[in-house]
Amino acid sequence: MASDFAEEILRVRREHAAVWPSRERIQDFVDDLFELLFPHLSGETELYTGSDVEGCLAVLSRDLVRLLRVQSARLPETPGAIADGFFAALPAIYRLLWLDARAIHEGDPAAESVDEVISAYPGFFAIYTHRVAHELYRRQVPILPRLFTEYAHVRTGIDIHPGASIGERFCIDHGTGVVIGETTVIGAGVKLYQGVSLGALSVSKHQRATKRHPTIEDRVVVYSNATILGGGTVVGHDSVVGGNVFLTESVPPHSVVYHSADKRVRSRRTAEEPIDFQI
């Protein structure tokens, strides 16, 4: 029995050869790049010179090439060309991330500084990881961008598919339970609270290449536990979607969408239903 099982494991390993590096190397790259861009948690107190930064970027470029080399046969370009393109785009990504950090700080009365946002806010780390992964996704790198965002998902509870298109000044407040699907399009100045789902209506596998997730236009606020579904669903700019809303149809700009619940408050002395229960 043991030898049969060993043979089965070997057969599966031959048929499903590794197409990505270890999780540790993937996570190290995400963390090392973050510490270079935002040294808030790196413990580095010395100022970098220009040559120091260039040296760090060269090391990170080498590390990215190593991550990509495992799946060279599936890439549209050489690992070196993809890494070069990624680091050429990094300055623009960096500037977007500072806009995100400032938007979170300005939108959250509890945030004492932009540095606190960068150091402590899970929403910012999830946005950072998404913007890095999205650049690789845009360059048609398979699997690796998803592994980047799944690392952020594990760390933060925020699940953003690397294919989602997200505009500048993006803000995720608290963030736990946020889900953003692959074909979601989010405009500038959008703010999401915890538990928001931007998902797809039920579709078959052959519709994978279609737009399945909603479009959220500029300056929309979506409050806690709202669910917005469907590739044809558009939330118009400057709208507010209230907590617990379930939305599967478009709404025009400047809309306010809210959930109406029937609330009743009674005295414990007159209540007929049992109120001592456990969940």
C-alpha atoms as a PDB file:
ATOM      1  CA  MET A   1       0.000   0.000   0.000  1.00  0.00           C
ATOM      2  CA  ALA A   2       2.765   2.451   0.954  1.00  0.00           C
ATOM      3  CA  SER A   3       4.714   1.812  -2.256  1.00  0.00           C
ATOM      4  CA  ASP A   4       1.564   2.273  -4.367  1.00  0.00           C
ATOM      5  CA  PHE A   5       0.915   5.606  -2.681  1.00  0.00           C
ATOM      6  CA  ALA A   6       4.512   6.693  -3.242  1.00  0.00           C
ATOM      7  CA  GLU A   7       4.182   5.879  -6.938  1.00  0.00           C
ATOM      8  CA  GLU A   8       0.938   7.853  -7.147  1.00  0.00           C
ATOM      9  CA  ILE A   9       2.615  10.889  -5.578  1.00  0.00           C
ATOM     10  CA  LEU A  10       5.529  10.624  -8.028  1.00  0.00           C
ATOM     11  CA  ARG A  11       3.146  10.351 -10.988  1.00  0.00           C
ATOM     12  CA  VAL A  12       1.244  13.461  -9.895  1.00  0.00           C
ATOM     13  CA  ARG A  13       4.496  15.371  -9.381  1.00  0.00           C
ATOM     14  CA  ARG A  14       5.606  14.474 -12.911  1.00  0.00           C
ATOM     15  CA  GLU A  15       2.276  15.546 -14.423  1.00  0.00           C
ATOM     16  CA  HIS A  16       2.063  18.780 -12.393  1.00  0.00           C
ATOM     17  CA  ALA A  17       5.582  20.108 -12.354  1.00  0.00           C
ATOM     18  CA  ALA A  18       6.081  23.322 -10.383  1.00  0.00           C
ATOM     19  CA  VAL A  19       5.318  26.467 -12.376  1.00  0.00           C
ATOM     20  CA  TRP A  20       6.219  28.978  -9.699  1.00  0.00           C
ATOM     21  CA  PRO A  21       8.902  29.389  -7.022  1.00  0.00           C
ATOM     22  CA  SER A  22       8.408  28.782  -3.333  1.00  0.00           C
ATOM     23  CA  ARG A  23       5.934  30.908  -1.417  1.00  0.00           C
ATOM     24  CA  GLU A  24       8.796  32.213   0.705  1.00  0.00           C
ATOM     25  CA  ARG A  25      10.602  33.695  -2.309  1.00  0.00           C
ATOM     26  CA  ILE A  26       7.387  35.242  -3.587  1.00  0.00           C
ATOM     27  CA  GLN A  27       6.596  36.798  -0.224  1.00  0.00           C
ATOM     28  CA  ASP A  28      10.177  37.996   0.193  1.00  0.00           C
ATOM     29  CA  PHE A  29       9.993  39.869  -3.109  1.00  0.00           C
ATOM     30  CA  VAL A  30       6.704  41.575  -2.146  1.00  0.00           C
ATOM     31  CA  ASP A  31       8.084  42.544   1.274  1.00  0.00           C
ATOM     32  CA  ASP A  32      11.523  43.613   0.037  1.00  0.00           C
ATOM     33  CA  LEU A  33      10.045  45.881  -2.628  1.00  0.00           C
ATOM     34  CA  PHE A  34       7.688  47.390  -0.062  1.00  0.00           C
ATOM     35  CA  GLU A  35      10.581  48.100   2.306  1.00  0.00           C
ATOM     36  CA  LEU A  36      12.549  49.812  -0.445  1.00  0.00           C
ATOM     37  CA  LEU A  37       9.621  52.026  -1.459  1.00  0.00           C
ATOM     38  CA  PHE A  38       8.372  52.616   2.099  1.00  0.00           C
ATOM     39  CA  PRO A  39      11.110  51.969   4.689  1.00  0.00           C
ATOM     40  CA  HIS A  40       8.682  52.563   7.570  1.00  0.00           C
ATOM     41  CA  LEU A  41       8.911  49.006   8.903  1.00  0.00           C
ATOM     42  CA  SER A  42      12.337  48.019   7.626  1.00  0.00           C
ATOM     43  CA  GLY A  43      14.347  49.260  10.597  1.00  0.00           C
ATOM     44  CA  GLU A  44      16.555  51.271   8.227  1.00  0.00           C
ATOM     45  CA  THR A  45      17.528  54.600   9.753  1.00  0.00           C
ATOM     46  CA  GLU A  46      20.341  55.626   7.410  1.00  0.00           C
ATOM     47  CA  LEU A  47      19.657  57.748   4.362  1.00  0.00           C
ATOM     48  CA  TYR A  48      20.131  56.047   1.021  1.00  0.00           C
ATOM     49  CA  THR A  49      22.316  57.534  -1.651  1.00  0.00           C
ATOM     50  CA  GLY A  50      21.163  57.383  -5.240  1.00  0.00           C
ATOM     51  CA  SER A  51      23.604  54.559  -5.928  1.00  0.00           C
ATOM     52  CA  ASP A  52      22.251  52.623  -2.911  1.00  0.00           C
ATOM     53  CA  VAL A  53      18.713  52.792  -4.274  1.00  0.00           C
ATOM     54  CA  GLU A  54      19.864  51.815  -7.750  1.00  0.00           C
ATOM     55  CA  GLY A  55      21.714  48.850  -6.247  1.00  0.00           C
ATOM     56  CA  CYS A  56      18.590  47.694  -4.381  1.00  0.00           C
ATOM     57  CA  LEU A  57      16.515  48.014  -7.545  1.00  0.00           C
ATOM     58  CA  ALA A  58      19.082  45.923  -9.426  1.00  0.00           C
ATOM     59  CA  VAL A  59      18.878  43.180  -6.788  1.00  0.00           C
ATOM     60  CA  LEU A  60      15.075  43.229  -6.887  1.00  0.00           C
ATOM     61  CA  SER A  61      15.144  43.056 -10.685  1.00  0.00           C
ATOM     62  CA  ARG A  62      17.361  39.985 -10.431  1.00  0.00           C
ATOM     63  CA  ASP A  63      14.940  38.456  -7.905  1.00  0.00           C
ATOM     64  CA  LEU A  64      11.955  39.091 -10.188  1.00  0.00           C
ATOM     65  CA  VAL A  65      13.762  37.459 -13.109  1.00  0.00           C
ATOM     66  CA  ARG A  66      14.325  34.403 -10.923  1.00  0.00           C
ATOM     67  CA  LEU A  67      10.640  34.285 -10.016  1.00  0.00           C
ATOM     68  CA  LEU A  68       9.671  34.510 -13.682  1.00  0.00           C
ATOM     69  CA  ARG A  69      12.265  32.087 -15.015  1.00  0.00           C
ATOM     70  CA  VAL A  70      10.420  29.056 -13.652  1.00  0.00           C
ATOM     71  CA  GLN A  71       7.579  29.650 -16.108  1.00  0.00           C
ATOM     72  CA  SER A  72       9.635  30.996 -19.023  1.00  0.00           C
ATOM     73  CA  ALA A  73       7.841  28.798 -21.567  1.00  0.00           C
ATOM     74  CA  ARG A  74       4.507  30.422 -20.720  1.00  0.00           C
ATOM     75  CA  LEU A  75       5.646  34.047 -20.853  1.00  0.00           C
ATOM     76  CA  PRO A  76       4.998  36.392 -23.806  1.00  0.00           C
ATOM     77  CA  GLU A  77       8.529  37.824 -23.425  1.00  0.00           C
ATOM     78  CA  THR A  78      11.764  36.805 -21.780  1.00  0.00           C
ATOM     79  CA  PRO A  79      11.897  37.120 -17.973  1.00  0.00           C
ATOM     80  CA  GLY A  80      14.482  39.875 -18.363  1.00  0.00           C
ATOM     81  CA  ALA A  81      12.288  41.914 -20.706  1.00  0.00           C
ATOM     82  CA  ILE A  82       9.286  41.609 -18.384  1.00  0.00           C
ATOM     83  CA  ALA A  83      11.380  42.638 -15.377  1.00  0.00           C
ATOM     84  CA  ASP A  84      12.751  45.621 -17.300  1.00  0.00           C
ATOM     85  CA  GLY A  85       9.232  46.708 -18.240  1.00  0.00           C
ATOM     86  CA  PHE A  86       7.993  46.258 -14.694  1.00  0.00           C
ATOM     87  CA  PHE A  87      10.734  48.412 -13.171  1.00  0.00           C
ATOM     88  CA  ALA A  88      10.262  51.034 -15.884  1.00  0.00           C
ATOM     89  CA  ALA A  89       6.622  51.294 -14.733  1.00  0.00           C
ATOM     90  CA  LEU A  90       7.534  51.301 -11.018  1.00  0.00           C
ATOM     91  CA  PRO A  91       7.937  55.116 -10.651  1.00  0.00           C
ATOM     92  CA  ALA A  92       4.341  55.634 -11.834  1.00  0.00           C
ATOM     93  CA  ILE A  93       3.109  52.892  -9.469  1.00  0.00           C
ATOM     94  CA  TYR A  94       5.042  54.507  -6.618  1.00  0.00           C
ATOM     95  CA  ARG A  95       3.387  57.879  -7.201  1.00  0.00           C
ATOM     96  CA  LEU A  96      -0.054  56.237  -7.328  1.00  0.00           C
ATOM     97  CA  LEU A  97       0.625  54.544  -3.986  1.00  0.00           C
ATOM     98  CA  TRP A  98       1.453  57.859  -2.322  1.00  0.00           C
ATOM     99  CA  LEU A  99      -1.853  59.232  -3.626  1.00  0.00           C
ATOM    100  CA  ASP A 100      -3.608  56.174  -2.152  1.00  0.00           C
ATOM    101  CA  ALA A 101      -1.900  56.627   1.230  1.00  0.00           C
ATOM    102  CA  ARG A 102      -2.858  60.302   1.370  1.00  0.00           C
ATOM    103  CA  ALA A 103      -6.460  59.507   0.387  1.00  0.00           C
ATOM    104  CA  ILE A 104      -6.726  56.968   3.212  1.00  0.00           C
ATOM    105  CA  HIS A 105      -5.253  59.458   5.679  1.00  0.00           C
ATOM    106  CA  GLU A 106      -7.583  62.253   4.581  1.00  0.00           C
ATOM    107  CA  GLY A 107     -10.625  59.986   4.699  1.00  0.00           C
ATOM    108  CA  ASP A 108     -10.058  58.419   8.112  1.00  0.00           C
ATOM    109  CA  PRO A 109     -10.276  60.639  11.215  1.00  0.00           C
ATOM    110  CA  ALA A 110      -8.466  57.943  13.199  1.00  0.00           C
ATOM    111  CA  ALA A 111      -5.356  58.104  11.021  1.00  0.00           C
ATOM    112  CA  GLU A 112      -2.773  60.359  12.638  1.00  0.00           C
ATOM    113  CA  SER A 113      -0.406  60.527   9.663  1.00  0.00           C
ATOM    114  CA  VAL A 114       0.337  59.168   6.216  1.00  0.00           C
ATOM    115  CA  ASP A 115       3.227  57.242   7.783  1.00  0.00           C
ATOM    116  CA  GLU A 116       0.764  55.479  10.085  1.00  0.00           C
ATOM    117  CA  VAL A 117      -1.339  54.492   7.078  1.00  0.00           C
ATOM    118  CA  ILE A 118       1.682  53.017   5.302  1.00  0.00           C
ATOM    119  CA  SER A 119       2.960  51.247   8.411  1.00  0.00           C
ATOM    120  CA  ALA A 120      -0.224  49.896   9.956  1.00  0.00           C
ATOM    121  CA  TYR A 121      -3.199  49.906   7.597  1.00  0.00           C
ATOM    122  CA  PRO A 122      -3.999  46.543   5.959  1.00  0.00           C
ATOM    123  CA  GLY A 123      -5.941  48.344   3.244  1.00  0.00           C
ATOM    124  CA  PHE A 124      -2.812  50.136   2.093  1.00  0.00           C
ATOM    125  CA  PHE A 125      -0.747  46.948   1.982  1.00  0.00           C
ATOM    126  CA  ALA A 126      -3.474  45.231  -0.064  1.00  0.00           C
ATOM    127  CA  ILE A 127      -3.575  48.167  -2.501  1.00  0.00           C
ATOM    128  CA  TYR A 128       0.231  48.175  -2.781  1.00  0.00           C
ATOM    129  CA  THR A 129       0.319  44.469  -3.553  1.00  0.00           C
ATOM    130  CA  HIS A 130      -2.483  44.788  -6.086  1.00  0.00           C
ATOM    131  CA  ARG A 131      -0.791  47.612  -7.987  1.00  0.00           C
ATOM    132  CA  VAL A 132       2.439  45.610  -8.203  1.00  0.00           C
ATOM    133  CA  ALA A 133       0.601  42.432  -9.240  1.00  0.00           C
ATOM    134  CA  HIS A 134      -1.599  44.275 -11.737  1.00  0.00           C
ATOM    135  CA  GLU A 135       1.452  45.473 -13.655  1.00  0.00           C
ATOM    136  CA  LEU A 136       2.609  41.873 -14.076  1.00  0.00           C
ATOM    137  CA  TYR A 137      -0.940  40.761 -14.925  1.00  0.00           C
ATOM    138  CA  ARG A 138      -1.062  43.494 -17.569  1.00  0.00           C
ATOM    139  CA  ARG A 139       2.123  42.034 -19.032  1.00  0.00           C
ATOM    140  CA  GLN A 140       0.394  38.637 -19.327  1.00  0.00           C
ATOM    141  CA  VAL A 141       2.419  36.928 -16.627  1.00  0.00           C
ATOM    142  CA  PRO A 142       0.432  33.853 -15.515  1.00  0.00           C
ATOM    143  CA  ILE A 143      -0.093  32.697 -11.926  1.00  0.00           C
ATOM    144  CA  LEU A 144       2.567  34.851 -10.237  1.00  0.00           C
ATOM    145  CA  PRO A 145       0.391  38.011  -9.945  1.00  0.00           C
ATOM    146  CA  ARG A 146      -2.335  35.935  -8.292  1.00  0.00           C
ATOM    147  CA  LEU A 147       0.157  34.510  -5.822  1.00  0.00           C
ATOM    148  CA  PHE A 148       1.225  38.064  -4.949  1.00  0.00           C
ATOM    149  CA  THR A 149      -2.353  39.126  -4.187  1.00  0.00           C
ATOM    150  CA  GLU A 150      -3.109  35.908  -2.327  1.00  0.00           C
ATOM    151  CA  TYR A 151      -0.206  36.736  -0.014  1.00  0.00           C
ATOM    152  CA  ALA A 152      -1.896  40.075   0.707  1.00  0.00           C
ATOM    153  CA  HIS A 153      -5.214  38.249   1.101  1.00  0.00           C
ATOM    154  CA  VAL A 154      -3.766  36.014   3.800  1.00  0.00           C
ATOM    155  CA  ARG A 155      -2.151  38.974   5.592  1.00  0.00           C
ATOM    156  CA  THR A 156      -5.073  41.392   5.406  1.00  0.00           C
ATOM    157  CA  GLY A 157      -8.310  39.523   4.709  1.00  0.00           C
ATOM    158  CA  ILE A 158      -8.703  41.644   1.555  1.00  0.00           C
ATOM    159  CA  ASP A 159      -9.072  39.712  -1.713  1.00  0.00           C
ATOM    160  CA  ILE A 160      -8.300  41.780  -4.838  1.00  0.00           C
ATOM    161  CA  HIS A 161      -7.818  39.945  -8.100  1.00  0.00           C
ATOM    162  CA  PRO A 162      -4.748  41.274  -9.933  1.00  0.00           C
ATOM    163  CA  GLY A 163      -6.834  41.814 -13.059  1.00  0.00           C
ATOM    164  CA  ALA A 164      -9.042  44.473 -11.462  1.00  0.00           C
ATOM    165  CA  SER A 165      -8.493  47.980 -12.841  1.00  0.00           C
ATOM    166  CA  ILE A 166      -8.295  50.559 -10.029  1.00  0.00           C
ATOM    167  CA  GLY A 167      -7.929  54.321 -10.371  1.00  0.00           C
ATOM    168  CA  GLU A 168      -5.912  56.722  -8.265  1.00  0.00           C
ATOM    169  CA  ARG A 169      -6.669  57.812  -4.670  1.00  0.00           C
ATOM    170  CA  PHE A 170      -8.193  54.440  -3.812  1.00  0.00           C
ATOM    171  CA  CYS A 171      -9.196  53.965  -0.187  1.00  0.00           C
ATOM    172  CA  ILE A 172     -10.096  50.777   1.685  1.00  0.00           C
ATOM    173  CA  ASP A 173     -11.256  51.521   5.237  1.00  0.00           C
ATOM    174  CA  HIS A 174     -10.712  48.631   7.699  1.00  0.00           C
ATOM    175  CA  GLY A 175     -10.983  46.252   4.780  1.00  0.00           C
ATOM    176  CA  THR A 176     -11.552  42.811   6.275  1.00  0.00           C
ATOM    177  CA  GLY A 177     -13.712  40.764   3.934  1.00  0.00           C
ATOM    178  CA  VAL A 178     -13.429  43.053   0.890  1.00  0.00           C
ATOM    179  CA  VAL A 179     -13.593  41.082  -2.374  1.00  0.00           C
ATOM    180  CA  ILE A 180     -12.860  42.650  -5.779  1.00  0.00           C
ATOM    181  CA  GLY A 181     -13.218  40.452  -8.849  1.00  0.00           C
ATOM    182  CA  GLU A 182     -11.013  40.150 -11.907  1.00  0.00           C
ATOM    183  CA  THR A 183     -12.895  42.361 -14.371  1.00  0.00           C
ATOM    184  CA  THR A 184     -13.939  45.042 -11.882  1.00  0.00           C
ATOM    185  CA  VAL A 185     -13.273  48.604 -13.009  1.00  0.00           C
ATOM    186  CA  ILE A 186     -12.904  51.214 -10.233  1.00  0.00           C
ATOM    187  CA  GLY A 187     -12.534  54.923 -10.941  1.00  0.00           C
ATOM    188  CA  ALA A 188     -10.629  57.625  -9.084  1.00  0.00           C
ATOM    189  CA  GLY A 189     -11.328  58.635  -5.502  1.00  0.00           C
ATOM    190  CA  VAL A 190     -13.383  55.542  -4.613  1.00  0.00           C
ATOM    191  CA  LYS A 191     -13.741  54.421  -0.998  1.00  0.00           C
ATOM    192  CA  LEU A 192     -14.757  50.934   0.147  1.00  0.00           C
ATOM    193  CA  TYR A 193     -15.540  49.806   3.675  1.00  0.00           C
ATOM    194  CA  GLN A 194     -15.156  46.337   5.171  1.00  0.00           C
ATOM    195  CA  GLY A 195     -17.122  43.429   3.793  1.00  0.00           C
ATOM    196  CA  VAL A 196     -17.797  44.972   0.371  1.00  0.00           C
ATOM    197  CA  SER A 197     -18.058  42.460  -2.500  1.00  0.00           C
ATOM    198  CA  LEU A 198     -17.658  43.518  -6.116  1.00  0.00           C
ATOM    199  CA  GLY A 199     -18.472  40.232  -7.764  1.00  0.00           C
ATOM    200  CA  ALA A 200     -19.997  38.393 -10.699  1.00  0.00           C
ATOM    201  CA  LEU A 201     -23.430  37.021 -11.287  1.00  0.00           C
ATOM    202  CA  SER A 202     -23.420  33.300 -11.967  1.00  0.00           C
ATOM    203  CA  VAL A 203     -21.682  32.681 -15.310  1.00  0.00           C
ATOM    204  CA  SER A 204     -20.367  29.575 -17.032  1.00  0.00           C
ATOM    205  CA  LYS A 205     -16.680  28.839 -17.471  1.00  0.00           C
ATOM    206  CA  HIS A 206     -16.701  29.660 -21.198  1.00  0.00           C
ATOM    207  CA  GLN A 207     -17.627  33.272 -20.335  1.00  0.00           C
ATOM    208  CA  ARG A 208     -14.351  33.773 -18.509  1.00  0.00           C
ATOM    209  CA  ALA A 209     -13.114  36.321 -21.064  1.00  0.00           C
ATOM    210  CA  THR A 210     -16.203  38.538 -20.696  1.00  0.00           C
ATOM    211  CA  LYS A 211     -16.637  41.423 -18.249  1.00  0.00           C
ATOM    212  CA  ARG A 212     -18.263  39.736 -15.264  1.00  0.00           C
ATOM    213  CA  HIS A 213     -17.771  42.294 -12.488  1.00  0.00           C
ATOM    214  CA  PRO A 214     -19.178  45.789 -11.909  1.00  0.00           C
ATOM    215  CA  THR A 215     -17.890  49.230 -12.786  1.00  0.00           C
ATOM    216  CA  ILE A 216     -17.602  51.738  -9.946  1.00  0.00           C
ATOM    217  CA  GLU A 217     -17.180  55.257 -11.267  1.00  0.00           C
ATOM    218  CA  ASP A 218     -15.268  58.167  -9.724  1.00  0.00           C
ATOM    219  CA  ARG A 219     -15.782  59.315  -6.129  1.00  0.00           C
ATOM    220  CA  VAL A 220     -18.200  56.535  -5.154  1.00  0.00           C
ATOM    221  CA  VAL A 221     -18.438  55.441  -1.507  1.00  0.00           C
ATOM    222  CA  VAL A 222     -19.552  51.868  -0.769  1.00  0.00           C
ATOM    223  CA  TYR A 223     -20.356  51.119   2.868  1.00  0.00           C
ATOM    224  CA  SER A 224     -19.936  47.954   4.897  1.00  0.00           C
ATOM    225  CA  ASN A 225     -21.167  44.596   3.615  1.00  0.00           C
ATOM    226  CA  ALA A 226     -22.660  45.955   0.400  1.00  0.00           C
ATOM    227  CA  THR A 227     -22.658  43.510  -2.517  1.00  0.00           C
ATOM    228  CA  ILE A 228     -22.547  44.752  -6.108  1.00  0.00           C
ATOM    229  CA  LEU A 229     -22.689  42.111  -8.830  1.00  0.00           C
ATOM    230  CA  GLY A 230     -22.598  41.821 -12.603  1.00  0.00           C
ATOM    231  CA  GLY A 231     -20.477  42.949 -15.511  1.00  0.00           C
ATOM    232  CA  GLY A 232     -23.188  45.280 -16.772  1.00  0.00           C
ATOM    233  CA  THR A 233     -23.737  46.930 -13.399  1.00  0.00           C
ATOM    234  CA  VAL A 234     -22.439  50.499 -13.267  1.00  0.00           C
ATOM    235  CA  VAL A 235     -22.525  52.666 -10.156  1.00  0.00           C
ATOM    236  CA  GLY A 236     -22.492  56.241 -11.428  1.00  0.00           C
ATOM    237  CA  HIS A 237     -19.964  58.775 -10.219  1.00  0.00           C
ATOM    238  CA  ASP A 238     -20.441  60.590  -6.898  1.00  0.00           C
ATOM    239  CA  SER A 239     -22.899  57.962  -5.652  1.00  0.00           C
ATOM    240  CA  VAL A 240     -23.205  56.433  -2.195  1.00  0.00           C
ATOM    241  CA  VAL A 241     -24.098  52.762  -1.697  1.00  0.00           C
ATOM    242  CA  GLY A 242     -25.227  52.098   1.860  1.00  0.00           C
ATOM    243  CA  GLY A 243     -24.407  49.183   4.107  1.00  0.00           C
ATOM    244  CA  ASN A 244     -25.928  45.758   3.390  1.00  0.00           C
ATOM    245  CA  VAL A 245     -27.226  46.802  -0.044  1.00  0.00           C
ATOM    246  CA  PHE A 246     -27.480  44.004  -2.632  1.00  0.00           C
ATOM    247  CA  LEU A 247     -27.203  45.623  -6.056  1.00  0.00           C
ATOM    248  CA  THR A 248     -27.410  43.926  -9.466  1.00  0.00           C
ATOM    249  CA  GLU A 249     -28.525  46.843 -11.639  1.00  0.00           C
ATOM    250  CA  SER A 250     -26.941  50.142 -12.643  1.00  0.00           C
ATOM    251  CA  VAL A 251     -27.621  53.398 -10.836  1.00  0.00           C
ATOM    252  CA  PRO A 252     -27.073  56.905 -12.280  1.00  0.00           C
ATOM    253  CA  PRO A 253     -24.524  59.426 -11.017  1.00  0.00           C
ATOM    254  CA  HIS A 254     -25.205  61.150  -7.677  1.00  0.00           C
ATOM    255  CA  SER A 255     -27.425  58.293  -6.473  1.00  0.00           C
ATOM    256  CA  VAL A 256     -27.929  57.230  -2.874  1.00  0.00           C
ATOM    257  CA  VAL A 257     -28.714  53.523  -2.571  1.00  0.00           C
ATOM    258  CA  TYR A 258     -29.693  52.202   0.835  1.00  0.00           C
ATOM    259  CA  HIS A 259     -31.088  49.118   2.488  1.00  0.00           C
ATOM    260  CA  SER A 260     -34.371  49.533   4.349  1.00  0.00           C
ATOM    261  CA  ALA A 261     -34.770  47.208   7.319  1.00  0.00           C
ATOM    262  CA  ASP A 262     -37.830  46.720   9.520  1.00  0.00           C
ATOM    263  CA  LYS A 263     -36.620  47.445  13.059  1.00  0.00           C
ATOM    264  CA  ARG A 264     -38.774  46.955  16.113  1.00  0.00           C
ATOM    265  CA  VAL A 265     -37.853  47.902  19.662  1.00  0.00           C
ATOM    266  CA  ARG A 266     -39.908  46.498  22.514  1.00  0.00           C
ATOM    267  CA  SER A 267     -39.620  46.062  26.224  1.00  0.00           C
ATOM    268  CA  ARG A 268     -38.266  42.778  27.533  1.00  0.00           C
ATOM    269  CA  ARG A 269     -41.248  42.691  29.871  1.00  0.00           C
ATOM    270  CA  THR A 270     -43.803  42.573  27.052  1.00  0.00           C
ATOM    271  CA  ALA A 271     -41.928  40.480  24.488  1.00  0.00           C
ATOM    272  CA  GLU A 272     -43.668  37.160  23.807  1.00  0.00           C
ATOM    273  CA  GLU A 273     -40.856  35.509  21.829  1.00  0.00           C
ATOM    274  CA  PRO A 274     -37.965  33.925  23.762  1.00  0.00           C
ATOM    275  CA  ILE A 275     -35.048  36.309  23.843  1.00  0.00           C
ATOM    276  CA  ASP A 276     -32.556  34.100  25.637  1.00  0.00           C
ATOM    277  CA  PHE A 277     -30.893  32.127  22.877  1.00  0.00           C
ATOM    278  CA  GLN A 278     -27.486  31.043  21.670  1.00  0.00           C
ATOM    279  CA  ILE A 279     -25.873  31.114  18.221  1.00  0.00           C
END
